[in-house]
């Protein structure tokens, strides 16, 4: 199962978000749940892990700031809230201070937007 492949070894949960509803451009949209993990590993190591373990997902580096993996359509615009919240995706980026409160020494975060498995 693709969702079981997303957990990063040794990562710690730093945030959870359940599915919800949002209204955008006059349209009500159900958003997918998300989980954010933190790890003491460098971004390059985490990205390499996902390139290997999600090799059937699409991948791009966004402005040398973060790496994004997604499934489904060929192009993905993570800046479009409709896509970012409704298409399964995974973002690897540098940790910031709020996450290091949960895991001192954290260097990288992994945010996974996923479809729940029934």
PDB file of N, CA and C in Angstrom:
ATOM      1  N   UNK A   1       0.834  -1.190   0.000  1.00  0.00           N
ATOM      2  CA  UNK A   1       0.000   0.000   0.000  1.00  0.00           C
ATOM      3  C   UNK A   1       0.877   1.252   0.000  1.00  0.00           C
ATOM      4  N   UNK A   2       0.564   2.164  -0.906  1.00  0.00           N
ATOM      5  CA  UNK A   2       1.399   3.354  -1.091  1.00  0.00           C
ATOM      6  C   UNK A   2       1.497   4.206   0.176  1.00  0.00           C
ATOM      7  N   UNK A   3       0.466   4.278   0.974  1.00  0.00           N
ATOM      8  CA  UNK A   3       0.485   5.136   2.161  1.00  0.00           C
ATOM      9  C   UNK A   3       1.393   4.580   3.248  1.00  0.00           C
ATOM     10  N   UNK A   4       1.538   3.282   3.314  1.00  0.00           N
ATOM     11  CA  UNK A   4       2.439   2.677   4.296  1.00  0.00           C
ATOM     12  C   UNK A   4       3.898   2.937   3.934  1.00  0.00           C
ATOM     13  N   UNK A   5       4.177   3.294   2.689  1.00  0.00           N
ATOM     14  CA  UNK A   5       5.546   3.573   2.264  1.00  0.00           C
ATOM     15  C   UNK A   5       5.982   4.985   2.625  1.00  0.00           C
ATOM     16  N   UNK A   6       5.104   5.820   3.145  1.00  0.00           N
ATOM     17  CA  UNK A   6       5.424   7.218   3.358  1.00  0.00           C
ATOM     18  C   UNK A   6       6.080   7.521   4.694  1.00  0.00           C
ATOM     19  N   UNK A   7       6.001   6.636   5.656  1.00  0.00           N
ATOM     20  CA  UNK A   7       6.600   6.915   6.964  1.00  0.00           C
ATOM     21  C   UNK A   7       8.115   6.913   6.832  1.00  0.00           C
ATOM     22  N   UNK A   8       8.753   7.919   7.384  1.00  0.00           N
ATOM     23  CA  UNK A   8      10.211   8.019   7.332  1.00  0.00           C
ATOM     24  C   UNK A   8      10.775   7.434   8.618  1.00  0.00           C
ATOM     25  N   UNK A   9      11.745   6.531   8.523  1.00  0.00           N
ATOM     26  CA  UNK A   9      12.301   5.868   9.711  1.00  0.00           C
ATOM     27  C   UNK A   9      12.819   6.876  10.748  1.00  0.00           C
ATOM     28  N   UNK A  10      12.361   6.741  11.975  1.00  0.00           N
ATOM     29  CA  UNK A  10      12.820   7.579  13.076  1.00  0.00           C
ATOM     30  C   UNK A  10      12.189   8.953  13.154  1.00  0.00           C
ATOM     31  N   UNK A  11      11.303   9.290  12.228  1.00  0.00           N
ATOM     32  CA  UNK A  11      10.657  10.606  12.249  1.00  0.00           C
ATOM     33  C   UNK A  11       9.639  10.678  13.385  1.00  0.00           C
ATOM     34  N   UNK A  12       9.409  11.894  13.884  1.00  0.00           N
ATOM     35  CA  UNK A  12       8.497  12.148  14.988  1.00  0.00           C
ATOM     36  C   UNK A  12       7.333  13.006  14.485  1.00  0.00           C
ATOM     37  N   UNK A  13       6.118  12.686  14.903  1.00  0.00           N
ATOM     38  CA  UNK A  13       4.947  13.476  14.510  1.00  0.00           C
ATOM     39  C   UNK A  13       5.001  14.832  15.217  1.00  0.00           C
ATOM     40  N   UNK A  14       4.863  15.917  14.437  1.00  0.00           N
ATOM     41  CA  UNK A  14       4.851  17.259  15.026  1.00  0.00           C
ATOM     42  C   UNK A  14       3.522  17.986  14.799  1.00  0.00           C
ATOM     43  N   UNK A  15       2.690  17.496  13.877  1.00  0.00           N
ATOM     44  CA  UNK A  15       1.384  18.128  13.642  1.00  0.00           C
ATOM     45  C   UNK A  15       0.462  17.158  12.915  1.00  0.00           C
ATOM     46  N   UNK A  16      -0.821  17.276  13.220  1.00  0.00           N
ATOM     47  CA  UNK A  16      -1.861  16.496  12.546  1.00  0.00           C
ATOM     48  C   UNK A  16      -2.979  17.441  12.133  1.00  0.00           C
ATOM     49  N   UNK A  17      -3.593  17.166  10.978  1.00  0.00           N
ATOM     50  CA  UNK A  17      -4.750  17.932  10.531  1.00  0.00           C
ATOM     51  C   UNK A  17      -5.730  16.950   9.931  1.00  0.00           C
ATOM     52  N   UNK A  18      -6.939  16.943  10.441  1.00  0.00           N
ATOM     53  CA  UNK A  18      -7.967  16.059   9.900  1.00  0.00           C
ATOM     54  C   UNK A  18      -8.531  16.610   8.608  1.00  0.00           C
ATOM     55  N   UNK A  19      -9.325  15.787   7.923  1.00  0.00           N
ATOM     56  CA  UNK A  19      -9.980  16.307   6.721  1.00  0.00           C
ATOM     57  C   UNK A  19     -10.966  17.382   7.137  1.00  0.00           C
ATOM     58  N   UNK A  20     -11.229  18.291   6.236  1.00  0.00           N
ATOM     59  CA  UNK A  20     -12.127  19.395   6.548  1.00  0.00           C
ATOM     60  C   UNK A  20     -12.747  19.908   5.256  1.00  0.00           C
ATOM     61  N   UNK A  21     -13.519  20.949   5.393  1.00  0.00           N
ATOM     62  CA  UNK A  21     -14.148  21.591   4.242  1.00  0.00           C
ATOM     63  C   UNK A  21     -13.655  23.020   4.161  1.00  0.00           C
ATOM     64  N   UNK A  22     -13.450  23.506   2.951  1.00  0.00           N
ATOM     65  CA  UNK A  22     -13.102  24.906   2.756  1.00  0.00           C
ATOM     66  C   UNK A  22     -13.874  25.420   1.553  1.00  0.00           C
ATOM     67  N   UNK A  23     -14.072  26.709   1.535  1.00  0.00           N
ATOM     68  CA  UNK A  23     -14.748  27.309   0.395  1.00  0.00           C
ATOM     69  C   UNK A  23     -13.741  28.176  -0.341  1.00  0.00           C
ATOM     70  N   UNK A  24     -13.614  27.929  -1.618  1.00  0.00           N
ATOM     71  CA  UNK A  24     -12.713  28.705  -2.449  1.00  0.00           C
ATOM     72  C   UNK A  24     -13.388  28.977  -3.788  1.00  0.00           C
ATOM     73  N   UNK A  25     -13.351  30.228  -4.210  1.00  0.00           N
ATOM     74  CA  UNK A  25     -14.003  30.657  -5.453  1.00  0.00           C
ATOM     75  C   UNK A  25     -15.475  30.238  -5.490  1.00  0.00           C
ATOM     76  N   UNK A  26     -16.160  30.332  -4.339  1.00  0.00           N
ATOM     77  CA  UNK A  26     -17.572  30.008  -4.256  1.00  0.00           C
ATOM     78  C   UNK A  26     -17.883  28.524  -4.309  1.00  0.00           C
ATOM     79  N   UNK A  27     -16.879  27.686  -4.228  1.00  0.00           N
ATOM     80  CA  UNK A  27     -17.063  26.245  -4.307  1.00  0.00           C
ATOM     81  C   UNK A  27     -16.590  25.607  -3.009  1.00  0.00           C
ATOM     82  N   UNK A  28     -17.412  24.708  -2.429  1.00  0.00           N
ATOM     83  CA  UNK A  28     -17.045  24.001  -1.214  1.00  0.00           C
ATOM     84  C   UNK A  28     -16.249  22.755  -1.591  1.00  0.00           C
ATOM     85  N   UNK A  29     -15.053  22.610  -0.967  1.00  0.00           N
ATOM     86  CA  UNK A  29     -14.140  21.525  -1.313  1.00  0.00           C
ATOM     87  C   UNK A  29     -13.751  20.776  -0.042  1.00  0.00           C
ATOM     88  N   UNK A  30     -13.760  19.441  -0.100  1.00  0.00           N
ATOM     89  CA  UNK A  30     -13.288  18.640   1.027  1.00  0.00           C
ATOM     90  C   UNK A  30     -11.780  18.490   0.919  1.00  0.00           C
ATOM     91  N   UNK A  31     -11.075  18.866   1.981  1.00  0.00           N
ATOM     92  CA  UNK A  31      -9.624  18.745   1.990  1.00  0.00           C
ATOM     93  C   UNK A  31      -9.220  17.414   2.615  1.00  0.00           C
ATOM     94  N   UNK A  32      -8.080  16.920   2.206  1.00  0.00           N
ATOM     95  CA  UNK A  32      -7.555  15.662   2.735  1.00  0.00           C
ATOM     96  C   UNK A  32      -6.851  15.911   4.076  1.00  0.00           C
ATOM     97  N   UNK A  33      -6.765  14.883   4.913  1.00  0.00           N
ATOM     98  CA  UNK A  33      -6.002  15.017   6.155  1.00  0.00           C
ATOM     99  C   UNK A  33      -4.508  15.103   5.846  1.00  0.00           C
ATOM    100  N   UNK A  34      -3.756  15.597   6.833  1.00  0.00           N
ATOM    101  CA  UNK A  34      -2.306  15.729   6.659  1.00  0.00           C
ATOM    102  C   UNK A  34      -1.605  15.424   7.974  1.00  0.00           C
ATOM    103  N   UNK A  35      -0.373  14.993   7.865  1.00  0.00           N
ATOM    104  CA  UNK A  35       0.481  14.742   9.022  1.00  0.00           C
ATOM    105  C   UNK A  35       1.843  15.365   8.708  1.00  0.00           C
ATOM    106  N   UNK A  36       2.437  16.005   9.704  1.00  0.00           N
ATOM    107  CA  UNK A  36       3.789  16.546   9.535  1.00  0.00           C
ATOM    108  C   UNK A  36       4.715  15.825  10.500  1.00  0.00           C
ATOM    109  N   UNK A  37       5.826  15.359   9.963  1.00  0.00           N
ATOM    110  CA  UNK A  37       6.846  14.644  10.723  1.00  0.00           C
ATOM    111  C   UNK A  37       8.127  15.473  10.723  1.00  0.00           C
ATOM    112  N   UNK A  38       8.966  15.261  11.728  1.00  0.00           N
ATOM    113  CA  UNK A  38      10.277  15.905  11.759  1.00  0.00           C
ATOM    114  C   UNK A  38      11.343  14.837  11.977  1.00  0.00           C
ATOM    115  N   UNK A  39      12.526  15.104  11.421  1.00  0.00           N
ATOM    116  CA  UNK A  39      13.655  14.192  11.570  1.00  0.00           C
ATOM    117  C   UNK A  39      14.945  14.991  11.717  1.00  0.00           C
ATOM    118  N   UNK A  40      15.933  14.380  12.327  1.00  0.00           N
ATOM    119  CA  UNK A  40      17.242  15.012  12.473  1.00  0.00           C
ATOM    120  C   UNK A  40      18.098  14.832  11.219  1.00  0.00           C
ATOM    121  N   UNK A  41      17.602  14.074  10.252  1.00  0.00           N
ATOM    122  CA  UNK A  41      18.335  13.846   9.012  1.00  0.00           C
ATOM    123  C   UNK A  41      18.271  15.074   8.104  1.00  0.00           C
ATOM    124  N   UNK A  42      19.289  15.217   7.256  1.00  0.00           N
ATOM    125  CA  UNK A  42      19.352  16.308   6.284  1.00  0.00           C
ATOM    126  C   UNK A  42      18.294  16.106   5.197  1.00  0.00           C
ATOM    127  N   UNK A  43      17.868  17.220   4.592  1.00  0.00           N
ATOM    128  CA  UNK A  43      16.875  17.167   3.514  1.00  0.00           C
ATOM    129  C   UNK A  43      17.287  16.226   2.386  1.00  0.00           C
ATOM    130  N   UNK A  44      18.552  16.263   1.988  1.00  0.00           N
ATOM    131  CA  UNK A  44      19.017  15.433   0.868  1.00  0.00           C
ATOM    132  C   UNK A  44      18.810  13.949   1.147  1.00  0.00           C
ATOM    133  N   UNK A  45      19.053  13.523   2.362  1.00  0.00           N
ATOM    134  CA  UNK A  45      18.873  12.116   2.731  1.00  0.00           C
ATOM    135  C   UNK A  45      17.393  11.743   2.708  1.00  0.00           C
ATOM    136  N   UNK A  46      16.552  12.625   3.233  1.00  0.00           N
ATOM    137  CA  UNK A  46      15.109  12.364   3.259  1.00  0.00           C
ATOM    138  C   UNK A  46      14.556  12.324   1.839  1.00  0.00           C
ATOM    139  N   UNK A  47      14.967  13.283   0.999  1.00  0.00           N
ATOM    140  CA  UNK A  47      14.508  13.303  -0.390  1.00  0.00           C
ATOM    141  C   UNK A  47      14.943  12.037  -1.123  1.00  0.00           C
ATOM    142  N   UNK A  48      16.171  11.602  -0.908  1.00  0.00           N
ATOM    143  CA  UNK A  48      16.656  10.368  -1.548  1.00  0.00           C
ATOM    144  C   UNK A  48      15.811   9.166  -1.120  1.00  0.00           C
ATOM    145  N   UNK A  49      15.433   9.118   0.157  1.00  0.00           N
ATOM    146  CA  UNK A  49      14.588   8.034   0.666  1.00  0.00           C
ATOM    147  C   UNK A  49      13.264   7.997  -0.105  1.00  0.00           C
ATOM    148  N   UNK A  50      12.640   9.167  -0.278  1.00  0.00           N
ATOM    149  CA  UNK A  50      11.353   9.189  -0.966  1.00  0.00           C
ATOM    150  C   UNK A  50      11.488   8.965  -2.468  1.00  0.00           C
ATOM    151  N   UNK A  51      12.585   9.404  -3.070  1.00  0.00           N
ATOM    152  CA  UNK A  51      12.794   9.115  -4.494  1.00  0.00           C
ATOM    153  C   UNK A  51      12.834   7.607  -4.714  1.00  0.00           C
ATOM    154  N   UNK A  52      13.424   6.883  -3.772  1.00  0.00           N
ATOM    155  CA  UNK A  52      13.496   5.427  -3.879  1.00  0.00           C
ATOM    156  C   UNK A  52      12.172   4.767  -3.528  1.00  0.00           C
ATOM    157  N   UNK A  53      11.533   5.210  -2.441  1.00  0.00           N
ATOM    158  CA  UNK A  53      10.337   4.536  -1.943  1.00  0.00           C
ATOM    159  C   UNK A  53       9.034   4.984  -2.586  1.00  0.00           C
ATOM    160  N   UNK A  54       9.042   6.122  -3.235  1.00  0.00           N
ATOM    161  CA  UNK A  54       7.862   6.587  -3.971  1.00  0.00           C
ATOM    162  C   UNK A  54       8.231   6.788  -5.436  1.00  0.00           C
ATOM    163  N   UNK A  55       8.963   5.850  -5.982  1.00  0.00           N
ATOM    164  CA  UNK A  55       9.474   5.992  -7.349  1.00  0.00           C
ATOM    165  C   UNK A  55       8.359   6.073  -8.393  1.00  0.00           C
ATOM    166  N   UNK A  56       7.162   5.617  -8.049  1.00  0.00           N
ATOM    167  CA  UNK A  56       6.043   5.701  -8.980  1.00  0.00           C
ATOM    168  C   UNK A  56       5.275   7.021  -8.842  1.00  0.00           C
ATOM    169  N   UNK A  57       5.691   7.895  -7.920  1.00  0.00           N
ATOM    170  CA  UNK A  57       5.093   9.221  -7.763  1.00  0.00           C
ATOM    171  C   UNK A  57       5.912  10.215  -8.581  1.00  0.00           C
ATOM    172  N   UNK A  58       5.290  11.321  -8.941  1.00  0.00           N
ATOM    173  CA  UNK A  58       6.016  12.389  -9.624  1.00  0.00           C
ATOM    174  C   UNK A  58       6.788  13.199  -8.578  1.00  0.00           C
ATOM    175  N   UNK A  59       7.855  13.878  -9.019  1.00  0.00           N
ATOM    176  CA  UNK A  59       8.708  14.624  -8.096  1.00  0.00           C
ATOM    177  C   UNK A  59       9.220  15.892  -8.774  1.00  0.00           C
ATOM    178  N   UNK A  60       9.319  16.966  -7.996  1.00  0.00           N
ATOM    179  CA  UNK A  60      10.018  18.157  -8.474  1.00  0.00           C
ATOM    180  C   UNK A  60      10.603  18.895  -7.276  1.00  0.00           C
ATOM    181  N   UNK A  61      11.695  19.598  -7.545  1.00  0.00           N
ATOM    182  CA  UNK A  61      12.289  20.474  -6.543  1.00  0.00           C
ATOM    183  C   UNK A  61      11.729  21.858  -6.823  1.00  0.00           C
ATOM    184  N   UNK A  62      11.232  22.509  -5.798  1.00  0.00           N
ATOM    185  CA  UNK A  62      10.597  23.813  -5.946  1.00  0.00           C
ATOM    186  C   UNK A  62      11.574  24.900  -5.506  1.00  0.00           C
ATOM    187  N   UNK A  63      12.189  25.591  -6.465  1.00  0.00           N
ATOM    188  CA  UNK A  63      13.050  26.754  -6.219  1.00  0.00           C
ATOM    189  C   UNK A  63      14.163  26.476  -5.209  1.00  0.00           C
ATOM    190  N   UNK A  64      14.676  25.268  -5.186  1.00  0.00           N
ATOM    191  CA  UNK A  64      15.714  24.864  -4.227  1.00  0.00           C
ATOM    192  C   UNK A  64      15.306  25.100  -2.774  1.00  0.00           C
ATOM    193  N   UNK A  65      13.995  25.163  -2.515  1.00  0.00           N
ATOM    194  CA  UNK A  65      13.490  25.378  -1.157  1.00  0.00           C
ATOM    195  C   UNK A  65      12.927  24.095  -0.559  1.00  0.00           C
ATOM    196  N   UNK A  66      12.259  23.286  -1.384  1.00  0.00           N
ATOM    197  CA  UNK A  66      11.677  22.035  -0.906  1.00  0.00           C
ATOM    198  C   UNK A  66      11.466  21.097  -2.069  1.00  0.00           C
ATOM    199  N   UNK A  67      11.273  19.830  -1.730  1.00  0.00           N
ATOM    200  CA  UNK A  67      10.966  18.812  -2.725  1.00  0.00           C
ATOM    201  C   UNK A  67       9.533  18.371  -2.515  1.00  0.00           C
ATOM    202  N   UNK A  68       8.840  18.159  -3.617  1.00  0.00           N
ATOM    203  CA  UNK A  68       7.453  17.729  -3.531  1.00  0.00           C
ATOM    204  C   UNK A  68       7.250  16.480  -4.387  1.00  0.00           C
ATOM    205  N   UNK A  69       6.516  15.543  -3.834  1.00  0.00           N
ATOM    206  CA  UNK A  69       6.144  14.299  -4.502  1.00  0.00           C
ATOM    207  C   UNK A  69       4.623  14.272  -4.538  1.00  0.00           C
ATOM    208  N   UNK A  70       4.038  13.778  -5.619  1.00  0.00           N
ATOM    209  CA  UNK A  70       2.588  13.681  -5.702  1.00  0.00           C
ATOM    210  C   UNK A  70       2.199  12.531  -6.601  1.00  0.00           C
ATOM    211  N   UNK A  71       0.953  12.140  -6.475  1.00  0.00           N
ATOM    212  CA  UNK A  71       0.414  11.068  -7.294  1.00  0.00           C
ATOM    213  C   UNK A  71      -0.793  11.620  -8.046  1.00  0.00           C
ATOM    214  N   UNK A  72      -1.067  11.037  -9.185  1.00  0.00           N
ATOM    215  CA  UNK A  72      -2.213  11.493  -9.974  1.00  0.00           C
ATOM    216  C   UNK A  72      -1.769  12.245 -11.208  1.00  0.00           C
ATOM    217  N   UNK A  73      -2.305  13.437 -11.376  1.00  0.00           N
ATOM    218  CA  UNK A  73      -2.073  14.207 -12.596  1.00  0.00           C
ATOM    219  C   UNK A  73      -0.595  14.526 -12.819  1.00  0.00           C
ATOM    220  N   UNK A  74      -0.246  14.804 -14.069  1.00  0.00           N
ATOM    221  CA  UNK A  74       1.158  15.029 -14.428  1.00  0.00           C
ATOM    222  C   UNK A  74       1.732  16.310 -13.834  1.00  0.00           C
ATOM    223  N   UNK A  75       0.969  17.372 -13.802  1.00  0.00           N
ATOM    224  CA  UNK A  75       1.447  18.643 -13.235  1.00  0.00           C
ATOM    225  C   UNK A  75       0.755  18.886 -11.904  1.00  0.00           C
ATOM    226  N   UNK A  76       1.474  19.505 -11.000  1.00  0.00           N
ATOM    227  CA  UNK A  76       0.939  19.763  -9.662  1.00  0.00           C
ATOM    228  C   UNK A  76       1.363  21.155  -9.233  1.00  0.00           C
ATOM    229  N   UNK A  77       0.401  21.972  -8.851  1.00  0.00           N
ATOM    230  CA  UNK A  77       0.683  23.330  -8.400  1.00  0.00           C
ATOM    231  C   UNK A  77       0.404  23.409  -6.905  1.00  0.00           C
ATOM    232  N   UNK A  78       1.441  23.217  -6.097  1.00  0.00           N
ATOM    233  CA  UNK A  78       1.248  23.218  -4.648  1.00  0.00           C
ATOM    234  C   UNK A  78       0.878  24.598  -4.111  1.00  0.00           C
ATOM    235  N   UNK A  79       1.010  25.636  -4.917  1.00  0.00           N
ATOM    236  CA  UNK A  79       0.604  26.977  -4.488  1.00  0.00           C
ATOM    237  C   UNK A  79      -0.910  27.177  -4.647  1.00  0.00           C
ATOM    238  N   UNK A  80      -1.563  26.295  -5.376  1.00  0.00           N
ATOM    239  CA  UNK A  80      -3.019  26.326  -5.536  1.00  0.00           C
ATOM    240  C   UNK A  80      -3.618  25.500  -4.406  1.00  0.00           C
ATOM    241  N   UNK A  81      -4.301  26.152  -3.486  1.00  0.00           N
ATOM    242  CA  UNK A  81      -4.833  25.477  -2.298  1.00  0.00           C
ATOM    243  C   UNK A  81      -5.766  24.329  -2.678  1.00  0.00           C
ATOM    244  N   UNK A  82      -6.484  24.457  -3.792  1.00  0.00           N
ATOM    245  CA  UNK A  82      -7.360  23.357  -4.225  1.00  0.00           C
ATOM    246  C   UNK A  82      -6.547  22.099  -4.514  1.00  0.00           C
ATOM    247  N   UNK A  83      -5.402  22.250  -5.158  1.00  0.00           N
ATOM    248  CA  UNK A  83      -4.573  21.090  -5.460  1.00  0.00           C
ATOM    249  C   UNK A  83      -3.815  20.623  -4.222  1.00  0.00           C
ATOM    250  N   UNK A  84      -3.205  21.552  -3.506  1.00  0.00           N
ATOM    251  CA  UNK A  84      -2.363  21.197  -2.359  1.00  0.00           C
ATOM    252  C   UNK A  84      -3.144  20.457  -1.278  1.00  0.00           C
ATOM    253  N   UNK A  85      -4.424  20.747  -1.147  1.00  0.00           N
ATOM    254  CA  UNK A  85      -5.230  20.156  -0.079  1.00  0.00           C
ATOM    255  C   UNK A  85      -6.103  18.989  -0.538  1.00  0.00           C
ATOM    256  N   UNK A  86      -6.130  18.722  -1.848  1.00  0.00           N
ATOM    257  CA  UNK A  86      -7.037  17.680  -2.334  1.00  0.00           C
ATOM    258  C   UNK A  86      -6.348  16.574  -3.129  1.00  0.00           C
ATOM    259  N   UNK A  87      -5.071  16.728  -3.426  1.00  0.00           N
ATOM    260  CA  UNK A  87      -4.317  15.717  -4.160  1.00  0.00           C
ATOM    261  C   UNK A  87      -3.260  15.146  -3.210  1.00  0.00           C
ATOM    262  N   UNK A  88      -3.188  13.820  -3.077  1.00  0.00           N
ATOM    263  CA  UNK A  88      -2.152  13.252  -2.201  1.00  0.00           C
ATOM    264  C   UNK A  88      -0.769  13.756  -2.611  1.00  0.00           C
ATOM    265  N   UNK A  89      -0.034  14.275  -1.628  1.00  0.00           N
ATOM    266  CA  UNK A  89       1.299  14.777  -1.898  1.00  0.00           C
ATOM    267  C   UNK A  89       2.158  14.704  -0.651  1.00  0.00           C
ATOM    268  N   UNK A  90       3.431  14.888  -0.833  1.00  0.00           N
ATOM    269  CA  UNK A  90       4.390  14.816   0.256  1.00  0.00           C
ATOM    270  C   UNK A  90       5.438  15.902   0.006  1.00  0.00           C
ATOM    271  N   UNK A  91       5.706  16.729   1.016  1.00  0.00           N
ATOM    272  CA  UNK A  91       6.682  17.811   0.892  1.00  0.00           C
ATOM    273  C   UNK A  91       7.799  17.602   1.898  1.00  0.00           C
ATOM    274  N   UNK A  92       9.033  17.682   1.414  1.00  0.00           N
ATOM    275  CA  UNK A  92      10.223  17.585   2.249  1.00  0.00           C
ATOM    276  C   UNK A  92      10.848  18.978   2.279  1.00  0.00           C
ATOM    277  N   UNK A  93      10.988  19.543   3.481  1.00  0.00           N
ATOM    278  CA  UNK A  93      11.582  20.872   3.588  1.00  0.00           C
ATOM    279  C   UNK A  93      12.363  21.036   4.882  1.00  0.00           C
ATOM    280  N   UNK A  94      13.132  22.104   4.938  1.00  0.00           N
ATOM    281  CA  UNK A  94      13.932  22.391   6.125  1.00  0.00           C
ATOM    282  C   UNK A  94      13.018  22.676   7.314  1.00  0.00           C
ATOM    283  N   UNK A  95      13.376  22.137   8.467  1.00  0.00           N
ATOM    284  CA  UNK A  95      12.584  22.360   9.687  1.00  0.00           C
ATOM    285  C   UNK A  95      12.730  23.806  10.139  1.00  0.00           C
ATOM    286  N   UNK A  96      11.697  24.320  10.799  1.00  0.00           N
ATOM    287  CA  UNK A  96      11.795  25.648  11.395  1.00  0.00           C
ATOM    288  C   UNK A  96      11.565  25.537  12.890  1.00  0.00           C
ATOM    289  N   UNK A  97      11.755  26.605  13.611  1.00  0.00           N
ATOM    290  CA  UNK A  97      11.842  26.561  15.072  1.00  0.00           C
ATOM    291  C   UNK A  97      10.662  25.891  15.764  1.00  0.00           C
ATOM    292  N   UNK A  98       9.459  26.061  15.295  1.00  0.00           N
ATOM    293  CA  UNK A  98       8.312  25.443  15.966  1.00  0.00           C
ATOM    294  C   UNK A  98       8.437  23.924  15.969  1.00  0.00           C
ATOM    295  N   UNK A  99       8.978  23.356  14.903  1.00  0.00           N
ATOM    296  CA  UNK A  99       9.123  21.909  14.844  1.00  0.00           C
ATOM    297  C   UNK A  99      10.264  21.421  15.731  1.00  0.00           C
ATOM    298  N   UNK A 100      11.284  22.230  15.907  1.00  0.00           N
ATOM    299  CA  UNK A 100      12.394  21.795  16.754  1.00  0.00           C
ATOM    300  C   UNK A 100      11.989  21.787  18.229  1.00  0.00           C
ATOM    301  N   UNK A 101      10.880  22.438  18.574  1.00  0.00           N
ATOM    302  CA  UNK A 101      10.351  22.335  19.937  1.00  0.00           C
ATOM    303  C   UNK A 101       9.906  20.897  20.217  1.00  0.00           C
ATOM    304  N   UNK A 102       9.390  20.227  19.197  1.00  0.00           N
ATOM    305  CA  UNK A 102       8.933  18.844  19.344  1.00  0.00           C
ATOM    306  C   UNK A 102      10.075  17.845  19.213  1.00  0.00           C
ATOM    307  N   UNK A 103      11.072  18.200  18.425  1.00  0.00           N
ATOM    308  CA  UNK A 103      12.219  17.321  18.216  1.00  0.00           C
ATOM    309  C   UNK A 103      13.480  18.185  18.170  1.00  0.00           C
ATOM    310  N   UNK A 104      14.112  18.394  19.318  1.00  0.00           N
ATOM    311  CA  UNK A 104      15.346  19.193  19.326  1.00  0.00           C
ATOM    312  C   UNK A 104      16.363  18.629  18.334  1.00  0.00           C
ATOM    313  N   UNK A 105      16.953  19.503  17.553  1.00  0.00           N
ATOM    314  CA  UNK A 105      17.917  19.076  16.545  1.00  0.00           C
ATOM    315  C   UNK A 105      17.292  18.700  15.216  1.00  0.00           C
ATOM    316  N   UNK A 106      15.977  18.878  15.088  1.00  0.00           N
ATOM    317  CA  UNK A 106      15.312  18.545  13.823  1.00  0.00           C
ATOM    318  C   UNK A 106      15.884  19.401  12.696  1.00  0.00           C
ATOM    319  N   UNK A 107      16.130  18.765  11.557  1.00  0.00           N
ATOM    320  CA  UNK A 107      16.658  19.473  10.391  1.00  0.00           C
ATOM    321  C   UNK A 107      15.665  19.500   9.237  1.00  0.00           C
ATOM    322  N   UNK A 108      14.777  18.514   9.206  1.00  0.00           N
ATOM    323  CA  UNK A 108      13.894  18.348   8.048  1.00  0.00           C
ATOM    324  C   UNK A 108      12.485  17.992   8.500  1.00  0.00           C
ATOM    325  N   UNK A 109      11.487  18.528   7.777  1.00  0.00           N
ATOM    326  CA  UNK A 109      10.106  18.113   8.014  1.00  0.00           C
ATOM    327  C   UNK A 109       9.551  17.448   6.763  1.00  0.00           C
ATOM    328  N   UNK A 110       8.585  16.585   7.002  1.00  0.00           N
ATOM    329  CA  UNK A 110       7.903  15.856   5.943  1.00  0.00           C
ATOM    330  C   UNK A 110       6.413  16.057   6.181  1.00  0.00           C
ATOM    331  N   UNK A 111       5.747  16.706   5.240  1.00  0.00           N
ATOM    332  CA  UNK A 111       4.297  16.878   5.357  1.00  0.00           C
ATOM    333  C   UNK A 111       3.634  15.991   4.323  1.00  0.00           C
ATOM    334  N   UNK A 112       2.732  15.147   4.801  1.00  0.00           N
ATOM    335  CA  UNK A 112       2.054  14.171   3.948  1.00  0.00           C
ATOM    336  C   UNK A 112       0.561  14.495   3.918  1.00  0.00           C
ATOM    337  N   UNK A 113       0.048  14.791   2.746  1.00  0.00           N
ATOM    338  CA  UNK A 113      -1.393  14.975   2.532  1.00  0.00           C
ATOM    339  C   UNK A 113      -1.863  13.665   1.896  1.00  0.00           C
ATOM    340  N   UNK A 114      -2.826  13.009   2.551  1.00  0.00           N
ATOM    341  CA  UNK A 114      -3.137  11.635   2.146  1.00  0.00           C
ATOM    342  C   UNK A 114      -4.636  11.359   2.111  1.00  0.00           C
ATOM    343  N   UNK A 115      -4.994  10.336   1.323  1.00  0.00           N
ATOM    344  CA  UNK A 115      -6.361   9.816   1.325  1.00  0.00           C
ATOM    345  C   UNK A 115      -6.411   8.716   2.358  1.00  0.00           C
ATOM    346  N   UNK A 116      -7.312   8.830   3.321  1.00  0.00           N
ATOM    347  CA  UNK A 116      -7.420   7.763   4.344  1.00  0.00           C
ATOM    348  C   UNK A 116      -7.733   6.416   3.710  1.00  0.00           C
ATOM    349  N   UNK A 117      -7.161   5.377   4.269  1.00  0.00           N
ATOM    350  CA  UNK A 117      -7.424   4.022   3.799  1.00  0.00           C
ATOM    351  C   UNK A 117      -8.541   3.460   4.665  1.00  0.00           C
ATOM    352  N   UNK A 118      -9.608   3.017   4.039  1.00  0.00           N
ATOM    353  CA  UNK A 118     -10.750   2.483   4.812  1.00  0.00           C
ATOM    354  C   UNK A 118     -10.498   1.081   5.252  1.00  0.00           C
TER     355      UNK A 118
END
